[in-house]
Amino acid sequence: MKQYKIPDAAYKALKWAGLIACPAIATFVGVVGPVWGMPNVDAIVTTINAAGVCIGALIGYSAATAKEV
């Protein structure tokens, strides 16, 4: 069994956020935002996607540095 840098519950939540929530929200904002006249849609979508990449990097670091127990 491996011991990760972050707790299992946090890992699962971050994985869901990075792989499911952020891309889904970014796509939704990118499609619906212009229709509703939202300002700065491109900046908002870029920020959401950057957050998703950051989350992915954090969980990737945790997986890469996991130690066998």
PDB file of N, CA and C in Angstrom:
ATOM      1  N   MET A   1       0.845  -1.176   0.000  1.00  0.00           N
ATOM      2  CA  MET A   1       0.000   0.000   0.000  1.00  0.00           C
ATOM      3  C   MET A   1       0.890   1.238   0.000  1.00  0.00           C
ATOM      4  N   LYS A   2       0.447   2.277  -0.712  1.00  0.00           N
ATOM      5  CA  LYS A   2       1.231   3.505  -0.795  1.00  0.00           C
ATOM      6  C   LYS A   2       0.691   4.569   0.151  1.00  0.00           C
ATOM      7  N   GLN A   3       1.613   5.385   0.652  1.00  0.00           N
ATOM      8  CA  GLN A   3       1.239   6.516   1.496  1.00  0.00           C
ATOM      9  C   GLN A   3       1.445   7.784   0.677  1.00  0.00           C
ATOM     10  N   TYR A   4       0.361   8.529   0.475  1.00  0.00           N
ATOM     11  CA  TYR A   4       0.397   9.729  -0.351  1.00  0.00           C
ATOM     12  C   TYR A   4       0.620  10.975   0.499  1.00  0.00           C
ATOM     13  N   LYS A   5       1.054  12.056  -0.146  1.00  0.00           N
ATOM     14  CA  LYS A   5       1.296  13.321   0.551  1.00  0.00           C
ATOM     15  C   LYS A   5      -0.005  13.952   1.051  1.00  0.00           C
ATOM     16  N   ILE A   6      -1.097  13.716   0.333  1.00  0.00           N
ATOM     17  CA  ILE A   6      -2.385  14.284   0.746  1.00  0.00           C
ATOM     18  C   ILE A   6      -3.318  13.151   1.169  1.00  0.00           C
ATOM     19  N   PRO A   7      -4.234  13.419   2.084  1.00  0.00           N
ATOM     20  CA  PRO A   7      -5.166  12.385   2.538  1.00  0.00           C
ATOM     21  C   PRO A   7      -6.041  11.866   1.396  1.00  0.00           C
ATOM     22  N   ASP A   8      -6.525  10.640   1.533  1.00  0.00           N
ATOM     23  CA  ASP A   8      -7.310   9.998   0.481  1.00  0.00           C
ATOM     24  C   ASP A   8      -8.562  10.797   0.127  1.00  0.00           C
ATOM     25  N   ALA A   9      -9.255  11.322   1.106  1.00  0.00           N
ATOM     26  CA  ALA A   9     -10.478  12.092   0.828  1.00  0.00           C
ATOM     27  C   ALA A   9     -10.161  13.350   0.018  1.00  0.00           C
ATOM     28  N   ALA A  10      -9.081  14.022   0.380  1.00  0.00           N
ATOM     29  CA  ALA A  10      -8.678  15.218  -0.361  1.00  0.00           C
ATOM     30  C   ALA A  10      -8.250  14.850  -1.778  1.00  0.00           C
ATOM     31  N   TYR A  11      -7.543  13.741  -1.924  1.00  0.00           N
ATOM     32  CA  TYR A  11      -7.120  13.278  -3.244  1.00  0.00           C
ATOM     33  C   TYR A  11      -8.332  13.025  -4.134  1.00  0.00           C
ATOM     34  N   LYS A  12      -9.335  12.324  -3.606  1.00  0.00           N
ATOM     35  CA  LYS A  12     -10.537  12.031  -4.388  1.00  0.00           C
ATOM     36  C   LYS A  12     -11.280  13.301  -4.774  1.00  0.00           C
ATOM     37  N   ALA A  13     -11.385  14.246  -3.845  1.00  0.00           N
ATOM     38  CA  ALA A  13     -12.069  15.508  -4.128  1.00  0.00           C
ATOM     39  C   ALA A  13     -11.311  16.315  -5.179  1.00  0.00           C
ATOM     40  N   LEU A  14      -9.991  16.395  -5.036  1.00  0.00           N
ATOM     41  CA  LEU A  14      -9.190  17.127  -6.011  1.00  0.00           C
ATOM     42  C   LEU A  14      -9.224  16.462  -7.377  1.00  0.00           C
ATOM     43  N   LYS A  15      -9.192  15.141  -7.400  1.00  0.00           N
ATOM     44  CA  LYS A  15      -9.254  14.421  -8.666  1.00  0.00           C
ATOM     45  C   LYS A  15     -10.574  14.700  -9.370  1.00  0.00           C
ATOM     46  N   TRP A  16     -11.679  14.663  -8.627  1.00  0.00           N
ATOM     47  CA  TRP A  16     -12.976  14.971  -9.212  1.00  0.00           C
ATOM     48  C   TRP A  16     -13.005  16.407  -9.736  1.00  0.00           C
ATOM     49  N   ALA A  17     -12.492  17.338  -8.935  1.00  0.00           N
ATOM     50  CA  ALA A  17     -12.502  18.744  -9.336  1.00  0.00           C
ATOM     51  C   ALA A  17     -11.652  18.980 -10.577  1.00  0.00           C
ATOM     52  N   GLY A  18     -10.463  18.370 -10.608  1.00  0.00           N
ATOM     53  CA  GLY A  18      -9.556  18.590 -11.730  1.00  0.00           C
ATOM     54  C   GLY A  18      -9.958  17.890 -13.008  1.00  0.00           C
ATOM     55  N   LEU A  19     -10.532  16.688 -12.888  1.00  0.00           N
ATOM     56  CA  LEU A  19     -10.854  15.906 -14.080  1.00  0.00           C
ATOM     57  C   LEU A  19     -12.292  16.078 -14.563  1.00  0.00           C
ATOM     58  N   ILE A  20     -13.204  16.429 -13.673  1.00  0.00           N
ATOM     59  CA  ILE A  20     -14.621  16.526 -14.048  1.00  0.00           C
ATOM     60  C   ILE A  20     -15.141  17.963 -13.937  1.00  0.00           C
ATOM     61  N   ALA A  21     -15.027  18.538 -12.760  1.00  0.00           N
ATOM     62  CA  ALA A  21     -15.686  19.821 -12.494  1.00  0.00           C
ATOM     63  C   ALA A  21     -15.092  20.980 -13.288  1.00  0.00           C
ATOM     64  N   CYS A  22     -13.788  21.168 -13.220  1.00  0.00           N
ATOM     65  CA  CYS A  22     -13.179  22.322 -13.904  1.00  0.00           C
ATOM     66  C   CYS A  22     -13.410  22.299 -15.414  1.00  0.00           C
ATOM     67  N   PRO A  23     -13.153  21.179 -16.096  1.00  0.00           N
ATOM     68  CA  PRO A  23     -13.429  21.182 -17.538  1.00  0.00           C
ATOM     69  C   PRO A  23     -14.916  21.401 -17.862  1.00  0.00           C
ATOM     70  N   ALA A  24     -15.797  20.819 -17.059  1.00  0.00           N
ATOM     71  CA  ALA A  24     -17.226  20.988 -17.317  1.00  0.00           C
ATOM     72  C   ALA A  24     -17.660  22.439 -17.110  1.00  0.00           C
ATOM     73  N   ILE A  25     -17.194  23.052 -16.041  1.00  0.00           N
ATOM     74  CA  ILE A  25     -17.554  24.448 -15.769  1.00  0.00           C
ATOM     75  C   ILE A  25     -16.960  25.372 -16.825  1.00  0.00           C
ATOM     76  N   ALA A  26     -15.708  25.132 -17.217  1.00  0.00           N
ATOM     77  CA  ALA A  26     -15.068  25.965 -18.242  1.00  0.00           C
ATOM     78  C   ALA A  26     -15.829  25.866 -19.563  1.00  0.00           C
ATOM     79  N   THR A  27     -16.236  24.672 -19.931  1.00  0.00           N
ATOM     80  CA  THR A  27     -17.001  24.498 -21.169  1.00  0.00           C
ATOM     81  C   THR A  27     -18.351  25.195 -21.082  1.00  0.00           C
ATOM     82  N   PHE A  28     -19.013  25.037 -19.951  1.00  0.00           N
ATOM     83  CA  PHE A  28     -20.315  25.683 -19.756  1.00  0.00           C
ATOM     84  C   PHE A  28     -20.191  27.202 -19.872  1.00  0.00           C
ATOM     85  N   VAL A  29     -19.222  27.777 -19.176  1.00  0.00           N
ATOM     86  CA  VAL A  29     -19.032  29.227 -19.212  1.00  0.00           C
ATOM     87  C   VAL A  29     -18.661  29.680 -20.625  1.00  0.00           C
ATOM     88  N   GLY A  30     -17.804  28.904 -21.304  1.00  0.00           N
ATOM     89  CA  GLY A  30     -17.392  29.275 -22.657  1.00  0.00           C
ATOM     90  C   GLY A  30     -18.534  29.257 -23.660  1.00  0.00           C
ATOM     91  N   VAL A  31     -19.495  28.366 -23.452  1.00  0.00           N
ATOM     92  CA  VAL A  31     -20.629  28.262 -24.378  1.00  0.00           C
ATOM     93  C   VAL A  31     -21.755  29.226 -24.001  1.00  0.00           C
ATOM     94  N   VAL A  32     -22.103  29.280 -22.731  1.00  0.00           N
ATOM     95  CA  VAL A  32     -23.262  30.058 -22.292  1.00  0.00           C
ATOM     96  C   VAL A  32     -22.906  31.522 -22.019  1.00  0.00           C
ATOM     97  N   GLY A  33     -21.672  31.781 -21.609  1.00  0.00           N
ATOM     98  CA  GLY A  33     -21.277  33.143 -21.258  1.00  0.00           C
ATOM     99  C   GLY A  33     -21.545  34.176 -22.334  1.00  0.00           C
ATOM    100  N   PRO A  34     -21.099  33.943 -23.569  1.00  0.00           N
ATOM    101  CA  PRO A  34     -21.362  34.943 -24.616  1.00  0.00           C
ATOM    102  C   PRO A  34     -22.851  35.142 -24.906  1.00  0.00           C
ATOM    103  N   VAL A  35     -23.622  34.082 -24.788  1.00  0.00           N
ATOM    104  CA  VAL A  35     -25.059  34.179 -25.043  1.00  0.00           C
ATOM    105  C   VAL A  35     -25.721  35.117 -24.044  1.00  0.00           C
ATOM    106  N   TRP A  36     -25.262  35.079 -22.797  1.00  0.00           N
ATOM    107  CA  TRP A  36     -25.827  35.909 -21.749  1.00  0.00           C
ATOM    108  C   TRP A  36     -25.083  37.231 -21.566  1.00  0.00           C
ATOM    109  N   GLY A  37     -24.132  37.494 -22.431  1.00  0.00           N
ATOM    110  CA  GLY A  37     -23.427  38.774 -22.392  1.00  0.00           C
ATOM    111  C   GLY A  37     -22.435  38.911 -21.257  1.00  0.00           C
ATOM    112  N   MET A  38     -21.899  37.796 -20.778  1.00  0.00           N
ATOM    113  CA  MET A  38     -20.896  37.871 -19.706  1.00  0.00           C
ATOM    114  C   MET A  38     -19.633  38.556 -20.221  1.00  0.00           C
ATOM    115  N   PRO A  39     -19.073  39.467 -19.450  1.00  0.00           N
ATOM    116  CA  PRO A  39     -17.812  40.091 -19.865  1.00  0.00           C
ATOM    117  C   PRO A  39     -16.626  39.163 -19.562  1.00  0.00           C
ATOM    118  N   ASN A  40     -15.588  39.274 -20.342  1.00  0.00           N
ATOM    119  CA  ASN A  40     -14.316  38.571 -20.104  1.00  0.00           C
ATOM    120  C   ASN A  40     -14.459  37.051 -20.062  1.00  0.00           C
ATOM    121  N   VAL A  41     -15.288  36.486 -20.919  1.00  0.00           N
ATOM    122  CA  VAL A  41     -15.515  35.043 -20.918  1.00  0.00           C
ATOM    123  C   VAL A  41     -14.205  34.289 -21.165  1.00  0.00           C
ATOM    124  N   ASP A  42     -13.398  34.761 -22.099  1.00  0.00           N
ATOM    125  CA  ASP A  42     -12.136  34.071 -22.386  1.00  0.00           C
ATOM    126  C   ASP A  42     -11.226  34.031 -21.162  1.00  0.00           C
ATOM    127  N   ALA A  43     -11.163  35.128 -20.436  1.00  0.00           N
ATOM    128  CA  ALA A  43     -10.324  35.172 -19.236  1.00  0.00           C
ATOM    129  C   ALA A  43     -10.865  34.242 -18.155  1.00  0.00           C
ATOM    130  N   ILE A  44     -12.166  34.177 -18.027  1.00  0.00           N
ATOM    131  CA  ILE A  44     -12.776  33.301 -17.023  1.00  0.00           C
ATOM    132  C   ILE A  44     -12.505  31.840 -17.365  1.00  0.00           C
ATOM    133  N   VAL A  45     -12.699  31.469 -18.625  1.00  0.00           N
ATOM    134  CA  VAL A  45     -12.464  30.093 -19.058  1.00  0.00           C
ATOM    135  C   VAL A  45     -10.995  29.716 -18.885  1.00  0.00           C
ATOM    136  N   THR A  46     -10.100  30.622 -19.246  1.00  0.00           N
ATOM    137  CA  THR A  46      -8.671  30.358 -19.078  1.00  0.00           C
ATOM    138  C   THR A  46      -8.317  30.157 -17.615  1.00  0.00           C
ATOM    139  N   THR A  47      -8.892  30.958 -16.734  1.00  0.00           N
ATOM    140  CA  THR A  47      -8.627  30.843 -15.301  1.00  0.00           C
ATOM    141  C   THR A  47      -9.132  29.511 -14.744  1.00  0.00           C
ATOM    142  N   ILE A  48     -10.329  29.107 -15.155  1.00  0.00           N
ATOM    143  CA  ILE A  48     -10.879  27.827 -14.683  1.00  0.00           C
ATOM    144  C   ILE A  48     -10.004  26.669 -15.171  1.00  0.00           C
ATOM    145  N   ASN A  49      -9.596  26.727 -16.439  1.00  0.00           N
ATOM    146  CA  ASN A  49      -8.735  25.668 -16.972  1.00  0.00           C
ATOM    147  C   ASN A  49      -7.374  25.654 -16.281  1.00  0.00           C
ATOM    148  N   ALA A  50      -6.834  26.818 -15.977  1.00  0.00           N
ATOM    149  CA  ALA A  50      -5.559  26.876 -15.263  1.00  0.00           C
ATOM    150  C   ALA A  50      -5.693  26.276 -13.868  1.00  0.00           C
ATOM    151  N   ALA A  51      -6.808  26.514 -13.209  1.00  0.00           N
ATOM    152  CA  ALA A  51      -7.048  25.908 -11.895  1.00  0.00           C
ATOM    153  C   ALA A  51      -7.101  24.391 -12.010  1.00  0.00           C
ATOM    154  N   GLY A  52      -7.737  23.887 -13.062  1.00  0.00           N
ATOM    155  CA  GLY A  52      -7.796  22.449 -13.286  1.00  0.00           C
ATOM    156  C   GLY A  52      -6.418  21.842 -13.507  1.00  0.00           C
ATOM    157  N   VAL A  53      -5.579  22.539 -14.254  1.00  0.00           N
ATOM    158  CA  VAL A  53      -4.208  22.063 -14.484  1.00  0.00           C
ATOM    159  C   VAL A  53      -3.413  22.080 -13.182  1.00  0.00           C
ATOM    160  N   CYS A  54      -3.596  23.109 -12.378  1.00  0.00           N
ATOM    161  CA  CYS A  54      -2.905  23.194 -11.089  1.00  0.00           C
ATOM    162  C   CYS A  54      -3.333  22.038 -10.180  1.00  0.00           C
ATOM    163  N   ILE A  55      -4.609  21.753 -10.146  1.00  0.00           N
ATOM    164  CA  ILE A  55      -5.106  20.630  -9.346  1.00  0.00           C
ATOM    165  C   ILE A  55      -4.498  19.326  -9.848  1.00  0.00           C
ATOM    166  N   GLY A  56      -4.462  19.153 -11.169  1.00  0.00           N
ATOM    167  CA  GLY A  56      -3.858  17.956 -11.744  1.00  0.00           C
ATOM    168  C   GLY A  56      -2.396  17.811 -11.371  1.00  0.00           C
ATOM    169  N   ALA A  57      -1.680  18.924 -11.348  1.00  0.00           N
ATOM    170  CA  ALA A  57      -0.270  18.886 -10.959  1.00  0.00           C
ATOM    171  C   ALA A  57      -0.118  18.481  -9.491  1.00  0.00           C
ATOM    172  N   LEU A  58      -0.993  18.973  -8.636  1.00  0.00           N
ATOM    173  CA  LEU A  58      -0.928  18.625  -7.214  1.00  0.00           C
ATOM    174  C   LEU A  58      -1.183  17.135  -6.986  1.00  0.00           C
ATOM    175  N   ILE A  59      -2.202  16.587  -7.640  1.00  0.00           N
ATOM    176  CA  ILE A  59      -2.473  15.174  -7.441  1.00  0.00           C
ATOM    177  C   ILE A  59      -1.420  14.317  -8.144  1.00  0.00           C
ATOM    178  N   GLY A  60      -0.864  14.820  -9.243  1.00  0.00           N
ATOM    179  CA  GLY A  60       0.228  14.101  -9.903  1.00  0.00           C
ATOM    180  C   GLY A  60       1.466  14.072  -9.033  1.00  0.00           C
ATOM    181  N   TYR A  61       1.767  15.180  -8.372  1.00  0.00           N
ATOM    182  CA  TYR A  61       2.910  15.213  -7.446  1.00  0.00           C
ATOM    183  C   TYR A  61       2.703  14.234  -6.305  1.00  0.00           C
ATOM    184  N   SER A  62       1.489  14.203  -5.783  1.00  0.00           N
ATOM    185  CA  SER A  62       1.197  13.283  -4.683  1.00  0.00           C
ATOM    186  C   SER A  62       1.377  11.849  -5.130  1.00  0.00           C
ATOM    187  N   ALA A  63       0.928  11.512  -6.313  1.00  0.00           N
ATOM    188  CA  ALA A  63       1.057  10.151  -6.815  1.00  0.00           C
ATOM    189  C   ALA A  63       2.526   9.801  -7.106  1.00  0.00           C
ATOM    190  N   ALA A  64       3.270  10.758  -7.630  1.00  0.00           N
ATOM    191  CA  ALA A  64       4.665  10.516  -7.992  1.00  0.00           C
ATOM    192  C   ALA A  64       5.567  10.352  -6.765  1.00  0.00           C
ATOM    193  N   THR A  65       5.200  10.976  -5.674  1.00  0.00           N
ATOM    194  CA  THR A  65       6.043  10.928  -4.475  1.00  0.00           C
ATOM    195  C   THR A  65       5.497   9.972  -3.408  1.00  0.00           C
ATOM    196  N   ALA A  66       4.497   9.196  -3.757  1.00  0.00           N
ATOM    197  CA  ALA A  66       3.929   8.231  -2.798  1.00  0.00           C
ATOM    198  C   ALA A  66       4.976   7.206  -2.400  1.00  0.00           C
ATOM    199  N   LYS A  67       4.958   6.844  -1.132  1.00  0.00           N
ATOM    200  CA  LYS A  67       5.927   5.888  -0.613  1.00  0.00           C
ATOM    201  C   LYS A  67       5.238   4.593  -0.245  1.00  0.00           C
ATOM    202  N   GLU A  68       5.918   3.497  -0.498  1.00  0.00           N
ATOM    203  CA  GLU A  68       5.385   2.201  -0.097  1.00  0.00           C
ATOM    204  C   GLU A  68       5.432   2.095   1.432  1.00  0.00           C
ATOM    205  N   VAL A  69       4.376   1.587   2.008  1.00  0.00           N
ATOM    206  CA  VAL A  69       4.303   1.463   3.471  1.00  0.00           C
ATOM    207  C   VAL A  69       4.484   0.005   3.831  1.00  0.00           C
TER     208      VAL A  69
END
